[in-house]
Amino acid sequence: MEWTRSARSQAPLALLLIDIDHFKRYNDHYGHAMGDDCLRRVAQLLAGCSRRAGDLVSRYGGEEFSVLLPGTDLSSATRVAQICVDAVRDAGIVHAASPSGGVVTVSVGVASLMARADQAPLVLVEAADAALYDAKRSGRGRFAVARDAGA
């Protein structure tokens, strides 16, 4: 629906894909019940990162979340991504098994584009996913921006 709206109104549409860093290690160390608690806490933190009506925070799968930001350009989307990274890190959820620090962190892929009727929405998802993997390769606990999304 938002893809169609973006194409019709020529307003940008941004997507953040968010992965909890080293979550398998968290589950292995603390157990699945604590892992479920961690997922709920991170979801609450992410829900507080963007408060505009129409923004949608959801679990994408496993330990991944998505944030859909209608009418949001790349600059604004990167601000939301940084807020997400900071909020989760600053919550101080202990993660003794993390090789990149003692607290839970997230990596975020950021993409924003103007939807086009001749494109599938998957182009936005693929761009954000590629950026997410860039963030993970760059050390985790950070965001990365998609290169040439939708080109």
Protein backbone atom coordinates (compact mmCIF):
# COMPACT_ATOMS: atom_id res chain seq x y z
CA MET A 1 0.00 0.00 0.00
CA GLU A 2 2.77 2.45 0.91
CA TRP A 3 4.67 1.55 -2.26
CA THR A 4 1.65 2.48 -4.39
CA ARG A 5 1.11 5.66 -2.38
CA SER A 6 4.76 6.67 -2.85
CA ALA A 7 4.56 6.09 -6.60
CA ARG A 8 1.34 8.05 -6.87
CA SER A 9 2.38 10.99 -4.69
CA GLN A 10 6.07 10.96 -5.63
CA ALA A 11 6.96 11.07 -1.95
CA PRO A 12 10.01 9.11 -0.80
CA LEU A 13 9.61 5.82 1.03
CA ALA A 14 12.32 4.61 3.42
CA LEU A 15 12.96 1.22 4.93
CA LEU A 16 15.24 0.24 7.79
CA LEU A 17 16.15 -3.43 8.16
CA ILE A 18 17.49 -4.11 11.65
CA ASP A 19 19.30 -7.18 12.91
CA ILE A 20 20.20 -7.92 16.53
CA ASP A 21 23.94 -8.51 16.50
CA HIS A 22 25.11 -11.98 17.54
CA PHE A 23 21.62 -13.01 18.60
CA LYS A 24 22.30 -16.74 18.16
CA ARG A 25 25.08 -16.41 20.72
CA TYR A 26 22.62 -14.62 23.03
CA ASN A 27 20.11 -17.48 22.71
CA ASP A 28 22.81 -20.11 23.19
CA HIS A 29 24.19 -18.33 26.27
CA TYR A 30 20.97 -17.28 28.04
CA GLY A 31 18.38 -19.70 26.62
CA HIS A 32 15.34 -19.19 24.45
CA ALA A 33 13.12 -17.71 27.17
CA MET A 34 15.63 -14.92 27.77
CA GLY A 35 16.06 -14.61 23.99
CA ASP A 36 12.31 -13.99 23.68
CA ASP A 37 12.56 -11.34 26.41
CA CYS A 38 15.41 -9.71 24.51
CA LEU A 39 13.34 -9.64 21.32
CA ARG A 40 10.46 -7.98 23.16
CA ARG A 41 12.74 -5.38 24.75
CA VAL A 42 14.38 -4.53 21.44
CA ALA A 43 10.95 -4.28 19.77
CA GLN A 44 9.82 -1.80 22.45
CA LEU A 45 12.98 0.25 22.01
CA LEU A 46 12.58 0.35 18.23
CA ALA A 47 8.92 1.33 18.54
CA GLY A 48 10.07 4.40 20.47
CA CYS A 49 12.54 5.47 17.78
CA SER A 50 9.96 6.81 15.36
CA ARG A 51 6.69 8.24 16.54
CA ARG A 52 5.09 9.64 13.41
CA ALA A 53 1.66 8.36 12.47
CA GLY A 54 2.06 5.98 9.56
CA ASP A 55 5.53 4.73 10.50
CA LEU A 56 5.47 0.98 10.93
CA VAL A 57 7.81 -1.03 13.14
CA SER A 58 7.49 -4.79 12.79
CA ARG A 59 9.33 -8.03 13.32
CA TYR A 60 10.68 -9.08 9.96
CA GLY A 61 11.72 -12.57 10.97
CA GLY A 62 13.98 -14.27 13.49
CA GLU A 63 15.98 -11.51 15.12
CA GLU A 64 15.29 -8.99 12.35
CA PHE A 65 12.95 -6.02 12.46
CA SER A 66 11.84 -3.53 9.85
CA VAL A 67 10.83 0.09 10.08
CA LEU A 68 8.84 1.47 7.17
CA LEU A 69 8.98 5.27 6.97
CA PRO A 70 6.55 6.78 4.44
CA GLY A 71 7.39 10.25 3.18
CA THR A 72 10.94 9.97 4.50
CA ASP A 73 14.06 10.89 2.55
CA LEU A 74 17.46 9.29 3.06
CA SER A 75 18.73 12.01 5.39
CA SER A 76 15.76 11.66 7.74
CA ALA A 77 15.90 7.86 7.55
CA THR A 78 19.56 7.87 8.62
CA ARG A 79 18.64 10.00 11.64
CA VAL A 80 16.04 7.40 12.65
CA ALA A 81 18.60 4.62 12.09
CA GLN A 82 21.10 6.33 14.40
CA ILE A 83 18.41 6.78 17.04
CA CYS A 84 17.67 3.03 16.82
CA VAL A 85 21.34 2.06 17.12
CA ASP A 86 21.83 4.39 20.10
CA ALA A 87 18.59 3.38 21.87
CA VAL A 88 19.39 -0.33 21.81
CA ARG A 89 23.02 0.13 22.82
CA ASP A 90 22.15 2.63 25.57
CA ALA A 91 19.49 0.31 27.02
CA GLY A 92 22.40 -1.77 28.30
CA ILE A 93 20.83 -5.20 27.77
CA VAL A 94 23.66 -7.45 28.95
CA HIS A 95 25.10 -9.76 26.28
CA ALA A 96 28.06 -11.54 27.84
CA ALA A 97 28.48 -13.78 24.78
CA SER A 98 28.85 -10.94 22.27
CA PRO A 99 32.30 -10.70 20.70
CA SER A 100 31.69 -7.02 19.96
CA GLY A 101 30.88 -5.77 23.45
CA GLY A 102 29.01 -6.61 26.61
CA VAL A 103 25.59 -5.30 25.57
CA VAL A 104 23.04 -6.03 22.86
CA THR A 105 23.56 -3.95 19.74
CA VAL A 106 21.87 -3.74 16.37
CA SER A 107 23.01 -3.31 12.80
CA VAL A 108 20.77 -1.32 10.47
CA GLY A 109 20.45 -1.13 6.70
CA VAL A 110 18.89 2.10 5.40
CA ALA A 111 17.30 2.65 2.00
CA SER A 112 15.02 5.35 0.66
CA LEU A 113 13.65 5.89 -2.80
CA MET A 114 10.78 7.25 -4.79
CA ALA A 115 8.63 4.27 -5.73
CA ARG A 116 7.84 3.76 -9.40
CA ALA A 117 4.90 1.89 -10.86
CA ASP A 118 7.28 -0.11 -13.10
CA GLN A 119 9.28 -1.40 -10.10
CA ALA A 120 8.39 -4.01 -7.52
CA PRO A 121 8.59 -3.06 -3.84
CA LEU A 122 11.25 -5.75 -3.49
CA VAL A 123 13.80 -3.25 -4.84
CA LEU A 124 13.52 -1.27 -1.59
CA VAL A 125 13.83 -4.41 0.54
CA GLU A 126 16.87 -5.62 -1.41
CA ALA A 127 18.57 -2.24 -1.08
CA ALA A 128 18.00 -2.10 2.68
CA ASP A 129 19.14 -5.72 3.03
CA ALA A 130 22.38 -5.05 1.15
CA ALA A 131 23.01 -2.03 3.38
CA LEU A 132 22.34 -4.17 6.47
CA TYR A 133 25.05 -6.58 5.40
CA ASP A 134 27.40 -3.64 4.82
CA ALA A 135 26.75 -2.52 8.41
CA LYS A 136 27.49 -6.01 9.70
CA ARG A 137 30.68 -6.31 7.64
CA SER A 138 31.79 -2.90 8.94
CA GLY A 139 31.77 -4.03 12.54
CA ARG A 140 28.11 -4.17 13.66
CA GLY A 141 26.41 -1.82 16.10
CA ARG A 142 26.01 0.77 13.34
CA PHE A 143 23.97 1.63 10.27
CA ALA A 144 24.90 1.65 6.62
CA VAL A 145 23.16 3.35 3.72
CA ALA A 146 22.13 1.62 0.52
CA ARG A 147 24.05 2.59 -2.57
CA ASP A 148 21.93 3.50 -5.63
CA ALA A 149 18.64 2.08 -4.35
CA GLY A 150 16.19 1.63 -7.15
CA ALA A 151 18.62 2.56 -9.89
